[in-house]
C-alpha atoms as a PDB file:
ATOM      1  CA  MET A   1       0.159  -5.783  17.363  1.00  0.00           C
ATOM      2  CA  GLU A   2      -1.813  -8.884  16.377  1.00  0.00           C
ATOM      3  CA  LEU A   3      -5.561  -9.402  16.743  1.00  0.00           C
ATOM      4  CA  ASN A   4      -7.572 -12.550  16.080  1.00  0.00           C
ATOM      5  CA  TYR A   5     -11.316 -12.650  15.529  1.00  0.00           C
ATOM      6  CA  SER A   6     -13.672 -15.580  15.062  1.00  0.00           C
ATOM      7  CA  THR A   7     -17.433 -15.840  14.753  1.00  0.00           C
ATOM      8  CA  ASN A   8     -17.466 -19.078  16.761  1.00  0.00           C
ATOM      9  CA  ALA A   9     -17.871 -17.228  20.045  1.00  0.00           C
ATOM     10  CA  VAL A  10     -20.828 -15.207  18.736  1.00  0.00           C
ATOM     11  CA  ALA A  11     -24.463 -16.313  18.724  1.00  0.00           C
ATOM     12  CA  ALA A  12     -25.451 -17.674  15.301  1.00  0.00           C
ATOM     13  CA  GLY A  13     -28.002 -14.935  14.647  1.00  0.00           C
ATOM     14  CA  HIS A  14     -25.424 -12.171  15.143  1.00  0.00           C
ATOM     15  CA  ARG A  15     -22.353 -13.689  13.505  1.00  0.00           C
ATOM     16  CA  PHE A  16     -22.581 -11.960  10.166  1.00  0.00           C
ATOM     17  CA  GLU A  17     -23.197  -8.505  11.661  1.00  0.00           C
ATOM     18  CA  TYR A  18     -20.232  -9.044  13.987  1.00  0.00           C
ATOM     19  CA  TRP A  19     -18.104 -10.143  11.042  1.00  0.00           C
ATOM     20  CA  SER A  20     -19.029  -7.138   8.920  1.00  0.00           C
ATOM     21  CA  ASP A  21     -18.240  -4.751  11.776  1.00  0.00           C
ATOM     22  CA  VAL A  22     -14.840  -6.360  12.394  1.00  0.00           C
ATOM     23  CA  VAL A  23     -13.708  -6.275   8.765  1.00  0.00           C
ATOM     24  CA  CYS A  24     -14.970  -2.740   8.135  1.00  0.00           C
ATOM     25  CA  SER A  25     -13.352  -1.393  11.290  1.00  0.00           C
ATOM     26  CA  HIS A  26      -9.955  -2.677  10.171  1.00  0.00           C
ATOM     27  CA  PHE A  27     -10.185  -2.020   6.480  1.00  0.00           C
ATOM     28  CA  ILE A  28     -12.758  -0.339   4.248  1.00  0.00           C
ATOM     29  CA  PRO A  29     -16.355   0.644   5.056  1.00  0.00           C
ATOM     30  CA  ALA A  30     -18.587  -1.230   2.609  1.00  0.00           C
ATOM     31  CA  SER A  31     -21.847  -3.145   2.487  1.00  0.00           C
ATOM     32  CA  SER A  32     -21.796  -6.915   2.663  1.00  0.00           C
ATOM     33  CA  ARG A  33     -24.294  -9.675   2.089  1.00  0.00           C
ATOM     34  CA  VAL A  34     -24.394 -13.473   2.231  1.00  0.00           C
ATOM     35  CA  SER A  35     -26.824 -16.155   1.140  1.00  0.00           C
ATOM     36  CA  ASN A  36     -26.854 -17.946   4.511  1.00  0.00           C
ATOM     37  CA  ARG A  37     -26.474 -15.885   7.677  1.00  0.00           C
ATOM     38  CA  GLU A  38     -27.473 -18.666  10.070  1.00  0.00           C
ATOM     39  CA  ASN A  39     -24.498 -20.915   9.275  1.00  0.00           C
ATOM     40  CA  PHE A  40     -21.963 -18.153   8.720  1.00  0.00           C
ATOM     41  CA  SER A  41     -18.572 -19.017  10.255  1.00  0.00           C
ATOM     42  CA  ALA A  42     -15.414 -17.037   9.603  1.00  0.00           C
ATOM     43  CA  ARG A  43     -12.098 -15.960  11.076  1.00  0.00           C
ATOM     44  CA  PHE A  44      -9.934 -12.902  10.666  1.00  0.00           C
ATOM     45  CA  ALA A  45      -6.363 -12.378  11.913  1.00  0.00           C
ATOM     46  CA  VAL A  46      -4.788  -8.949  11.537  1.00  0.00           C
ATOM     47  CA  ARG A  47      -1.333  -7.569  12.326  1.00  0.00           C
ATOM     48  CA  ALA A  48       0.351  -4.206  11.957  1.00  0.00           C
ATOM     49  CA  LEU A  49       3.545  -4.015   9.893  1.00  0.00           C
ATOM     50  CA  GLY A  50       4.834  -0.490  10.279  1.00  0.00           C
ATOM     51  CA  SER A  51       2.562   1.681   8.129  1.00  0.00           C
ATOM     52  CA  LEU A  52       0.936  -1.397   6.541  1.00  0.00           C
ATOM     53  CA  THR A  53      -1.777  -3.702   7.843  1.00  0.00           C
ATOM     54  CA  LEU A  54      -1.844  -7.382   6.887  1.00  0.00           C
ATOM     55  CA  ALA A  55      -4.799  -9.673   7.489  1.00  0.00           C
ATOM     56  CA  GLU A  56      -5.583 -13.326   6.802  1.00  0.00           C
ATOM     57  CA  MET A  57      -9.255 -14.103   6.258  1.00  0.00           C
ATOM     58  CA  SER A  58     -11.242 -17.290   5.889  1.00  0.00           C
ATOM     59  CA  SER A  59     -14.993 -17.298   5.338  1.00  0.00           C
ATOM     60  CA  PRO A  60     -17.929 -18.669   3.332  1.00  0.00           C
ATOM     61  CA  GLN A  61     -19.019 -16.884   0.163  1.00  0.00           C
ATOM     62  CA  HIS A  62     -19.993 -13.257   0.703  1.00  0.00           C
ATOM     63  CA  TYR A  63     -20.258 -10.110  -1.397  1.00  0.00           C
ATOM     64  CA  TRP A  64     -18.666  -6.739  -0.588  1.00  0.00           C
ATOM     65  CA  GLU A  65     -19.597  -3.510  -2.315  1.00  0.00           C
ATOM     66  CA  ARG A  66     -18.237  -0.001  -1.815  1.00  0.00           C
ATOM     67  CA  THR A  67     -20.584   2.562  -3.343  1.00  0.00           C
ATOM     68  CA  PRO A  68     -20.408   6.342  -3.895  1.00  0.00           C
ATOM     69  CA  GLN A  69     -22.422   6.685  -0.690  1.00  0.00           C
ATOM     70  CA  HIS A  70     -19.667   4.875   1.225  1.00  0.00           C
ATOM     71  CA  LEU A  71     -17.094   7.209  -0.328  1.00  0.00           C
ATOM     72  CA  ARG A  72     -19.003  10.208   1.042  1.00  0.00           C
ATOM     73  CA  THR A  73     -19.745   8.865   4.524  1.00  0.00           C
ATOM     74  CA  GLY A  74     -16.564   6.848   5.092  1.00  0.00           C
ATOM     75  CA  PRO A  75     -13.766   8.268   2.958  1.00  0.00           C
ATOM     76  CA  ASN A  76     -10.677   6.115   2.666  1.00  0.00           C
ATOM     77  CA  GLU A  77      -7.706   6.535   0.316  1.00  0.00           C
ATOM     78  CA  ASP A  78      -5.835   3.299   0.989  1.00  0.00           C
ATOM     79  CA  PHE A  79      -5.070   0.658  -1.602  1.00  0.00           C
ATOM     80  CA  MET A  80      -5.761  -2.992  -0.850  1.00  0.00           C
ATOM     81  CA  LEU A  81      -3.663  -5.843  -2.187  1.00  0.00           C
ATOM     82  CA  SER A  82      -5.320  -9.248  -2.229  1.00  0.00           C
ATOM     83  CA  LEU A  83      -3.507 -12.583  -2.490  1.00  0.00           C
ATOM     84  CA  MET A  84      -5.864 -15.533  -2.937  1.00  0.00           C
ATOM     85  CA  VAL A  85      -4.181 -18.407  -1.100  1.00  0.00           C
ATOM     86  CA  ALA A  86      -7.084 -20.832  -1.438  1.00  0.00           C
ATOM     87  CA  GLY A  87     -10.594 -20.260  -2.756  1.00  0.00           C
ATOM     88  CA  ARG A  88     -11.707 -17.732  -5.327  1.00  0.00           C
ATOM     89  CA  GLY A  89     -12.774 -14.113  -5.753  1.00  0.00           C
ATOM     90  CA  PHE A  90     -14.320 -11.899  -8.406  1.00  0.00           C
ATOM     91  CA  LEU A  91     -13.232  -8.271  -8.206  1.00  0.00           C
ATOM     92  CA  SER A  92     -14.719  -5.397 -10.238  1.00  0.00           C
ATOM     93  CA  GLN A  93     -13.490  -1.792 -10.337  1.00  0.00           C
ATOM     94  CA  SER A  94     -13.206   1.024 -12.905  1.00  0.00           C
ATOM     95  CA  GLY A  95     -14.829  -1.039 -15.640  1.00  0.00           C
ATOM     96  CA  ARG A  96     -12.456  -3.979 -15.203  1.00  0.00           C
ATOM     97  CA  ASP A  97     -13.198  -7.453 -13.822  1.00  0.00           C
ATOM     98  CA  VAL A  98     -10.833 -10.136 -12.638  1.00  0.00           C
ATOM     99  CA  LEU A  99     -11.400 -13.692 -11.461  1.00  0.00           C
ATOM    100  CA  GLN A 100      -8.932 -14.555  -8.715  1.00  0.00           C
ATOM    101  CA  ARG A 101      -7.787 -18.118  -8.350  1.00  0.00           C
ATOM    102  CA  PRO A 102      -5.251 -19.536  -5.860  1.00  0.00           C
ATOM    103  CA  GLY A 103      -1.960 -17.691  -6.235  1.00  0.00           C
ATOM    104  CA  ASP A 104      -3.473 -14.669  -7.998  1.00  0.00           C
ATOM    105  CA  ILE A 105      -2.692 -11.153  -6.725  1.00  0.00           C
ATOM    106  CA  ALA A 106      -4.995  -8.189  -7.374  1.00  0.00           C
ATOM    107  CA  LEU A 107      -5.116  -4.543  -6.325  1.00  0.00           C
ATOM    108  CA  TYR A 108      -8.160  -2.409  -5.524  1.00  0.00           C
ATOM    109  CA  ASP A 109      -8.624   1.202  -4.511  1.00  0.00           C
ATOM    110  CA  ALA A 110     -10.749   2.342  -1.551  1.00  0.00           C
ATOM    111  CA  ALA A 111     -11.032   5.840  -3.045  1.00  0.00           C
ATOM    112  CA  ARG A 112     -13.273   4.498  -5.822  1.00  0.00           C
ATOM    113  CA  PRO A 113     -16.330   2.193  -5.872  1.00  0.00           C
ATOM    114  CA  PHE A 114     -15.727  -1.530  -6.230  1.00  0.00           C
ATOM    115  CA  SER A 115     -17.427  -4.879  -5.726  1.00  0.00           C
ATOM    116  CA  TYR A 116     -15.772  -8.059  -4.493  1.00  0.00           C
ATOM    117  CA  ASP A 117     -17.479 -11.444  -4.511  1.00  0.00           C
ATOM    118  CA  LEU A 118     -15.379 -13.620  -2.212  1.00  0.00           C
ATOM    119  CA  GLU A 119     -15.334 -17.277  -1.249  1.00  0.00           C
ATOM    120  CA  PRO A 120     -11.936 -17.508   0.426  1.00  0.00           C
ATOM    121  CA  GLN A 121     -10.726 -20.563   2.212  1.00  0.00           C
ATOM    122  CA  SER A 122      -7.759 -18.276   2.824  1.00  0.00           C
ATOM    123  CA  VAL A 123      -7.005 -14.802   1.457  1.00  0.00           C
ATOM    124  CA  LEU A 124      -4.287 -12.346   2.510  1.00  0.00           C
ATOM    125  CA  LEU A 125      -5.221  -8.654   2.451  1.00  0.00           C
ATOM    126  CA  LEU A 126      -2.562  -5.955   2.646  1.00  0.00           C
ATOM    127  CA  ARG A 127      -3.657  -2.363   3.290  1.00  0.00           C
ATOM    128  CA  VAL A 128      -1.225   0.129   1.734  1.00  0.00           C
ATOM    129  CA  PRO A 129      -1.274   3.907   2.354  1.00  0.00           C
ATOM    130  CA  ARG A 130      -1.999   5.742  -0.872  1.00  0.00           C
ATOM    131  CA  LYS A 131       0.867   8.236  -0.757  1.00  0.00           C
ATOM    132  CA  GLN A 132       3.462   5.531  -0.199  1.00  0.00           C
ATOM    133  CA  LEU A 133       2.301   3.452  -3.149  1.00  0.00           C
ATOM    134  CA  LEU A 134       1.786   6.331  -5.584  1.00  0.00           C
ATOM    135  CA  PHE A 135       5.230   7.681  -4.747  1.00  0.00           C
ATOM    136  CA  ARG A 136       6.709   4.405  -5.985  1.00  0.00           C
ATOM    137  CA  VAL A 137       4.254   3.733  -8.815  1.00  0.00           C
ATOM    138  CA  PRO A 138       2.260   6.803  -9.941  1.00  0.00           C
ATOM    139  CA  GLU A 139       0.303   4.586 -12.374  1.00  0.00           C
ATOM    140  CA  ALA A 140      -1.032   2.315  -9.600  1.00  0.00           C
ATOM    141  CA  GLU A 141      -4.549   3.738  -9.911  1.00  0.00           C
ATOM    142  CA  LYS A 142      -4.734   2.269 -13.433  1.00  0.00           C
ATOM    143  CA  LEU A 143      -3.780  -1.240 -12.294  1.00  0.00           C
ATOM    144  CA  THR A 144      -6.748  -2.198 -10.138  1.00  0.00           C
ATOM    145  CA  ALA A 145      -8.933  -5.257 -10.829  1.00  0.00           C
ATOM    146  CA  MET A 146      -6.385  -7.203 -12.847  1.00  0.00           C
ATOM    147  CA  ARG A 147      -4.134 -10.168 -12.131  1.00  0.00           C
ATOM    148  CA  LEU A 148      -0.741  -8.688 -11.272  1.00  0.00           C
ATOM    149  CA  GLY A 149       2.468 -10.234 -12.570  1.00  0.00           C
ATOM    150  CA  GLU A 150       0.617 -13.251 -13.902  1.00  0.00           C
ATOM    151  CA  GLY A 151       3.109 -15.992 -14.684  1.00  0.00           C
ATOM    152  CA  HIS A 152       6.071 -13.848 -13.641  1.00  0.00           C
ATOM    153  CA  SER A 153       8.475 -15.143 -11.013  1.00  0.00           C
ATOM    154  CA  ILE A 154       8.592 -11.761  -9.260  1.00  0.00           C
ATOM    155  CA  SER A 155       4.888 -12.058  -8.362  1.00  0.00           C
ATOM    156  CA  ILE A 156       5.603 -15.471  -6.850  1.00  0.00           C
ATOM    157  CA  LEU A 157       8.268 -13.824  -4.694  1.00  0.00           C
ATOM    158  CA  LEU A 158       5.807 -11.128  -3.571  1.00  0.00           C
ATOM    159  CA  ALA A 159       3.236 -13.796  -2.693  1.00  0.00           C
ATOM    160  CA  SER A 160       5.858 -15.711  -0.710  1.00  0.00           C
ATOM    161  CA  MET A 161       6.822 -12.542   1.196  1.00  0.00           C
ATOM    162  CA  MET A 162       3.160 -11.885   2.068  1.00  0.00           C
ATOM    163  CA  ARG A 163       2.694 -15.440   3.333  1.00  0.00           C
ATOM    164  CA  GLU A 164       5.815 -15.248   5.478  1.00  0.00           C
ATOM    165  CA  ALA A 165       4.898 -11.794   6.814  1.00  0.00           C
ATOM    166  CA  ALA A 166       1.534 -13.188   7.946  1.00  0.00           C
ATOM    167  CA  VAL A 167       3.067 -15.886  10.152  1.00  0.00           C
ATOM    168  CA  ILE A 168       6.563 -14.722  11.074  1.00  0.00           C
ATOM    169  CA  ASP A 169       7.185 -14.139  14.780  1.00  0.00           C
ATOM    170  CA  LEU A 170       7.881 -10.423  15.139  1.00  0.00           C
ATOM    171  CA  PRO A 171       8.961  -8.536  18.270  1.00  0.00           C
ATOM    172  CA  ALA A 172       6.451  -6.142  19.804  1.00  0.00           C
ATOM    173  CA  ASN A 173       8.494  -3.060  18.910  1.00  0.00           C
ATOM    174  CA  GLN A 174       8.654  -1.758  15.359  1.00  0.00           C
ATOM    175  CA  GLY A 175      12.354  -2.373  14.863  1.00  0.00           C
ATOM    176  CA  ALA A 176      11.693  -5.327  12.557  1.00  0.00           C
ATOM    177  CA  GLN A 177       8.230  -4.357  11.349  1.00  0.00           C
ATOM    178  CA  VAL A 178       9.204  -1.119   9.607  1.00  0.00           C
ATOM    179  CA  PRO A 179      11.930  -2.534   7.305  1.00  0.00           C
ATOM    180  CA  LEU A 180       9.741  -5.561   6.558  1.00  0.00           C
ATOM    181  CA  ALA A 181       6.930  -3.230   5.499  1.00  0.00           C
ATOM    182  CA  ALA A 182       9.308  -1.217   3.320  1.00  0.00           C
ATOM    183  CA  SER A 183      10.540  -4.422   1.657  1.00  0.00           C
ATOM    184  CA  LEU A 184       6.971  -5.491   0.925  1.00  0.00           C
ATOM    185  CA  LEU A 185       6.228  -2.086  -0.577  1.00  0.00           C
ATOM    186  CA  ASP A 186       9.344  -2.185  -2.736  1.00  0.00           C
ATOM    187  CA  MET A 187       8.522  -5.668  -4.005  1.00  0.00           C
ATOM    188  CA  LEU A 188       4.928  -4.630  -4.763  1.00  0.00           C
ATOM    189  CA  ALA A 189       6.298  -1.635  -6.670  1.00  0.00           C
ATOM    190  CA  VAL A 190       8.439  -3.936  -8.838  1.00  0.00           C
ATOM    191  CA  VAL A 191       5.407  -6.100  -9.676  1.00  0.00           C
ATOM    192  CA  LEU A 192       3.325  -3.038 -10.567  1.00  0.00           C
ATOM    193  CA  GLN A 193       6.113  -1.515 -12.656  1.00  0.00           C
ATOM    194  CA  LEU A 194       6.392  -4.764 -14.616  1.00  0.00           C
ATOM    195  CA  GLN A 195       2.634  -4.627 -15.141  1.00  0.00           C
ATOM    196  CA  VAL A 196       2.937  -1.079 -16.469  1.00  0.00           C
ATOM    197  CA  ALA A 197       5.832  -1.991 -18.766  1.00  0.00           C
ATOM    198  CA  GLY A 198       3.954  -4.964 -20.168  1.00  0.00           C
ATOM    199  CA  GLY A 199       0.851  -2.978 -21.082  1.00  0.00           C
ATOM    200  CA  THR A 200       2.233   0.405 -22.100  1.00  0.00           C
ATOM    201  CA  PRO A 201       1.748   1.370 -25.761  1.00  0.00           C
ATOM    202  CA  ALA A 202       4.506   3.121 -27.676  1.00  0.00           C
ATOM    203  CA  LEU A 203       4.918   6.696 -26.422  1.00  0.00           C
ATOM    204  CA  SER A 204       4.918   9.759 -28.629  1.00  0.00           C
ATOM    205  CA  PRO A 205       8.225  11.677 -28.732  1.00  0.00           C
ATOM    206  CA  ARG A 206       6.807  14.328 -26.358  1.00  0.00           C
ATOM    207  CA  GLU A 207       5.516  11.704 -23.905  1.00  0.00           C
ATOM    208  CA  ALA A 208       8.811   9.838 -24.073  1.00  0.00           C
ATOM    209  CA  LEU A 209      10.675  13.071 -23.324  1.00  0.00           C
ATOM    210  CA  PHE A 210       8.393  13.820 -20.379  1.00  0.00           C
ATOM    211  CA  LYS A 211       8.879  10.335 -18.905  1.00  0.00           C
ATOM    212  CA  SER A 212      12.642  10.438 -19.442  1.00  0.00           C
ATOM    213  CA  ALA A 213      12.827  13.787 -17.629  1.00  0.00           C
ATOM    214  CA  GLN A 214      10.723  12.419 -14.767  1.00  0.00           C
ATOM    215  CA  ASP A 215      13.032   9.431 -14.429  1.00  0.00           C
ATOM    216  CA  PHE A 216      16.095  11.688 -14.445  1.00  0.00           C
ATOM    217  CA  ILE A 217      14.620  13.899 -11.722  1.00  0.00           C
ATOM    218  CA  SER A 218      13.704  10.896  -9.563  1.00  0.00           C
ATOM    219  CA  GLU A 219      17.281   9.612  -9.825  1.00  0.00           C
ATOM    220  CA  HIS A 220      18.776  12.977  -8.790  1.00  0.00           C
ATOM    221  CA  LEU A 221      16.534  14.134  -5.944  1.00  0.00           C
ATOM    222  CA  ASP A 222      19.555  14.477  -3.660  1.00  0.00           C
ATOM    223  CA  ASP A 223      21.193  17.063  -5.941  1.00  0.00           C
ATOM    224  CA  CYS A 224      20.271  20.392  -4.341  1.00  0.00           C
ATOM    225  CA  GLU A 225      21.618  22.271  -7.383  1.00  0.00           C
ATOM    226  CA  LEU A 226      19.379  20.501  -9.885  1.00  0.00           C
ATOM    227  CA  ASP A 227      17.528  23.027 -12.063  1.00  0.00           C
ATOM    228  CA  VAL A 228      15.620  23.246 -15.336  1.00  0.00           C
ATOM    229  CA  GLU A 229      18.776  23.801 -17.390  1.00  0.00           C
ATOM    230  CA  ARG A 230      20.443  20.631 -16.071  1.00  0.00           C
ATOM    231  CA  ILE A 231      17.286  18.579 -16.495  1.00  0.00           C
ATOM    232  CA  ALA A 232      16.950  19.800 -20.073  1.00  0.00           C
ATOM    233  CA  ALA A 233      20.642  19.258 -20.858  1.00  0.00           C
ATOM    234  CA  ALA A 234      20.376  15.634 -19.697  1.00  0.00           C
ATOM    235  CA  GLN A 235      17.584  15.138 -22.263  1.00  0.00           C
ATOM    236  CA  HIS A 236      19.487  17.013 -24.989  1.00  0.00           C
ATOM    237  CA  VAL A 237      16.810  19.694 -25.368  1.00  0.00           C
ATOM    238  CA  SER A 238      16.549  23.358 -24.433  1.00  0.00           C
ATOM    239  CA  ALA A 239      15.182  24.565 -21.111  1.00  0.00           C
ATOM    240  CA  ARG A 240      12.336  26.197 -23.033  1.00  0.00           C
ATOM    241  CA  THR A 241      11.361  22.901 -24.648  1.00  0.00           C
ATOM    242  CA  MET A 242      11.503  21.125 -21.287  1.00  0.00           C
ATOM    243  CA  THR A 243       9.278  23.763 -19.697  1.00  0.00           C
ATOM    244  CA  ARG A 244       6.737  23.394 -22.502  1.00  0.00           C
ATOM    245  CA  VAL A 245       6.642  19.605 -22.152  1.00  0.00           C
ATOM    246  CA  PHE A 246       5.854  19.837 -18.446  1.00  0.00           C
ATOM    247  CA  ALA A 247       3.304  22.612 -19.101  1.00  0.00           C
ATOM    248  CA  GLU A 248       1.395  20.155 -21.314  1.00  0.00           C
ATOM    249  CA  HIS A 249       0.848  18.126 -18.126  1.00  0.00           C
ATOM    250  CA  GLY A 250      -0.196  21.097 -16.021  1.00  0.00           C
ATOM    251  CA  THR A 251       3.032  21.558 -14.101  1.00  0.00           C
ATOM    252  CA  THR A 252       6.625  22.807 -14.343  1.00  0.00           C
ATOM    253  CA  PRO A 253       9.905  20.896 -14.049  1.00  0.00           C
ATOM    254  CA  MET A 254      10.745  22.562 -10.724  1.00  0.00           C
ATOM    255  CA  HIS A 255       7.290  22.080  -9.239  1.00  0.00           C
ATOM    256  CA  TRP A 256       7.418  18.401 -10.162  1.00  0.00           C
ATOM    257  CA  LEU A 257      10.935  18.155  -8.679  1.00  0.00           C
ATOM    258  CA  TRP A 258       9.943  19.715  -5.353  1.00  0.00           C
ATOM    259  CA  GLN A 259       6.810  17.608  -5.164  1.00  0.00           C
ATOM    260  CA  ARG A 260       8.855  14.438  -5.606  1.00  0.00           C
ATOM    261  CA  ARG A 261      11.330  15.614  -2.984  1.00  0.00           C
ATOM    262  CA  LEU A 262       8.516  16.122  -0.488  1.00  0.00           C
ATOM    263  CA  GLU A 263       7.019  12.720  -1.288  1.00  0.00           C
ATOM    264  CA  ALA A 264      10.409  11.015  -0.931  1.00  0.00           C
ATOM    265  CA  SER A 265      11.002  12.728   2.423  1.00  0.00           C
ATOM    266  CA  HIS A 266       7.543  11.768   3.640  1.00  0.00           C
ATOM    267  CA  CYS A 267       8.063   8.103   2.717  1.00  0.00           C
ATOM    268  CA  ALA A 268      11.511   8.059   4.327  1.00  0.00           C
ATOM    269  CA  LEU A 269      10.030   9.305   7.617  1.00  0.00           C
ATOM    270  CA  VAL A 270       6.908   7.121   7.613  1.00  0.00           C
ATOM    271  CA  GLU A 271       8.831   3.978   6.682  1.00  0.00           C
ATOM    272  CA  GLY A 272      11.627   4.534   9.200  1.00  0.00           C
ATOM    273  CA  ARG A 273      14.346   4.826   6.561  1.00  0.00           C
ATOM    274  CA  VAL A 274      15.966   7.761   8.379  1.00  0.00           C
ATOM    275  CA  GLN A 275      16.844   8.407  11.997  1.00  0.00           C
ATOM    276  CA  GLN A 276      16.761  12.202  11.870  1.00  0.00           C
ATOM    277  CA  VAL A 277      14.653  14.816  10.119  1.00  0.00           C
ATOM    278  CA  THR A 278      17.825  16.339   8.685  1.00  0.00           C
ATOM    279  CA  GLN A 279      18.519  13.042   6.893  1.00  0.00           C
ATOM    280  CA  ALA A 280      15.094  13.084   5.263  1.00  0.00           C
ATOM    281  CA  ALA A 281      15.666  16.670   4.145  1.00  0.00           C
ATOM    282  CA  PHE A 282      19.264  16.601   2.956  1.00  0.00           C
ATOM    283  CA  GLN A 283      19.073  13.183   1.279  1.00  0.00           C
ATOM    284  CA  ASN A 284      16.274  14.507  -0.899  1.00  0.00           C
ATOM    285  CA  GLY A 285      17.751  17.807  -1.984  1.00  0.00           C
ATOM    286  CA  PHE A 286      16.567  20.229   0.706  1.00  0.00           C
ATOM    287  CA  SER A 287      19.462  22.423   1.791  1.00  0.00           C
ATOM    288  CA  ASP A 288      17.477  24.604   4.235  1.00  0.00           C
ATOM    289  CA  LEU A 289      15.960  22.658   7.151  1.00  0.00           C
ATOM    290  CA  SER A 290      13.619  25.468   8.233  1.00  0.00           C
ATOM    291  CA  HIS A 291      12.241  25.789   4.717  1.00  0.00           C
ATOM    292  CA  PHE A 292      11.837  22.015   4.516  1.00  0.00           C
ATOM    293  CA  CYS A 293       9.820  21.914   7.751  1.00  0.00           C
ATOM    294  CA  ARG A 294       7.543  24.745   6.609  1.00  0.00           C
ATOM    295  CA  VAL A 295       6.708  23.289   3.194  1.00  0.00           C
ATOM    296  CA  PHE A 296       6.371  19.778   4.665  1.00  0.00           C
ATOM    297  CA  LYS A 297       3.784  20.942   7.209  1.00  0.00           C
ATOM    298  CA  LYS A 298       1.915  22.860   4.518  1.00  0.00           C
ATOM    299  CA  ALA A 299       1.795  19.758   2.313  1.00  0.00           C
ATOM    300  CA  TYR A 300       0.982  17.109   4.936  1.00  0.00           C
ATOM    301  CA  GLY A 301      -0.602  19.044   7.792  1.00  0.00           C
ATOM    302  CA  THR A 302       1.975  17.880  10.315  1.00  0.00           C
ATOM    303  CA  THR A 303       5.638  18.478  11.059  1.00  0.00           C
ATOM    304  CA  PRO A 304       8.279  15.998   9.900  1.00  0.00           C
ATOM    305  CA  HIS A 305       9.326  15.492  13.530  1.00  0.00           C
ATOM    306  CA  THR A 306       5.876  14.084  14.274  1.00  0.00           C
ATOM    307  CA  LEU A 307       6.403  11.291  11.711  1.00  0.00           C
ATOM    308  CA  LEU A 308       9.923  10.453  12.802  1.00  0.00           C
ATOM    309  CA  ARG A 309       9.872   6.917  14.186  1.00  0.00           C
ATOM    310  CA  PRO A 310      11.802   6.202  17.401  1.00  0.00           C
ATOM    311  CA  HIS A 311      14.888   4.012  16.988  1.00  0.00           C
END
């Protein structure tokens, strides 16, 4: 589905209010202000890409702010990815500030206050569901309001994919949209992981052990016989030591394993990576379908069959 909005068809005195309503209805409730409402002229094109939403916006300078009051009255947990094609932007969140120039990519989080001073001749905005991004990059919340992948060729590839996704001719059904969305998410995850790797200080031995165990679990979600002993053996420590390391982070190895399995199953269903619920379950280590359906509904408030996309 594609929608195109322009202020040109609106009376001059009502253009900015119309614009604010359009943007907020598609993305994040926030307050907005401009220096000149009378001559405000802007356009906004939005399209659905599976579970993602991509928009291209062009407008004069205006200032967006999402406050704690907005969080209470209009909760939203999505992440927003911004690619400045032409123009500039100044984004502030969580004590960080970033000046966006053409080609710069930045992330911001609707679950926390932010301000965004924009003067975009053209900016691409990608709305990303929180669970899908955090499944791929748990550290994403720490990467807002900074230039992502600056100077790295992989960020150029992500920017190119976003530009193409904004203009490519897609069929009305979701047969092409869903894998395109998954590819965009995967590429974004690579950029964010590079950002994490570039700014991560040396880990303590305990933290390094915890991360190594997490990585091992994530690589073996499909092994229904995976247990604490095997996780510990892969790290060359005792099961007791492994349990203590996870306890320092308020969890257990098995709880973390089952949580990751649920998240992986959820993403597989939402992103159309599987054609049957049994695939989502068995590929991620669930050997009992009935048990999978029960714990899935308890975690997400809906059955896995509800999220299964038609093929």
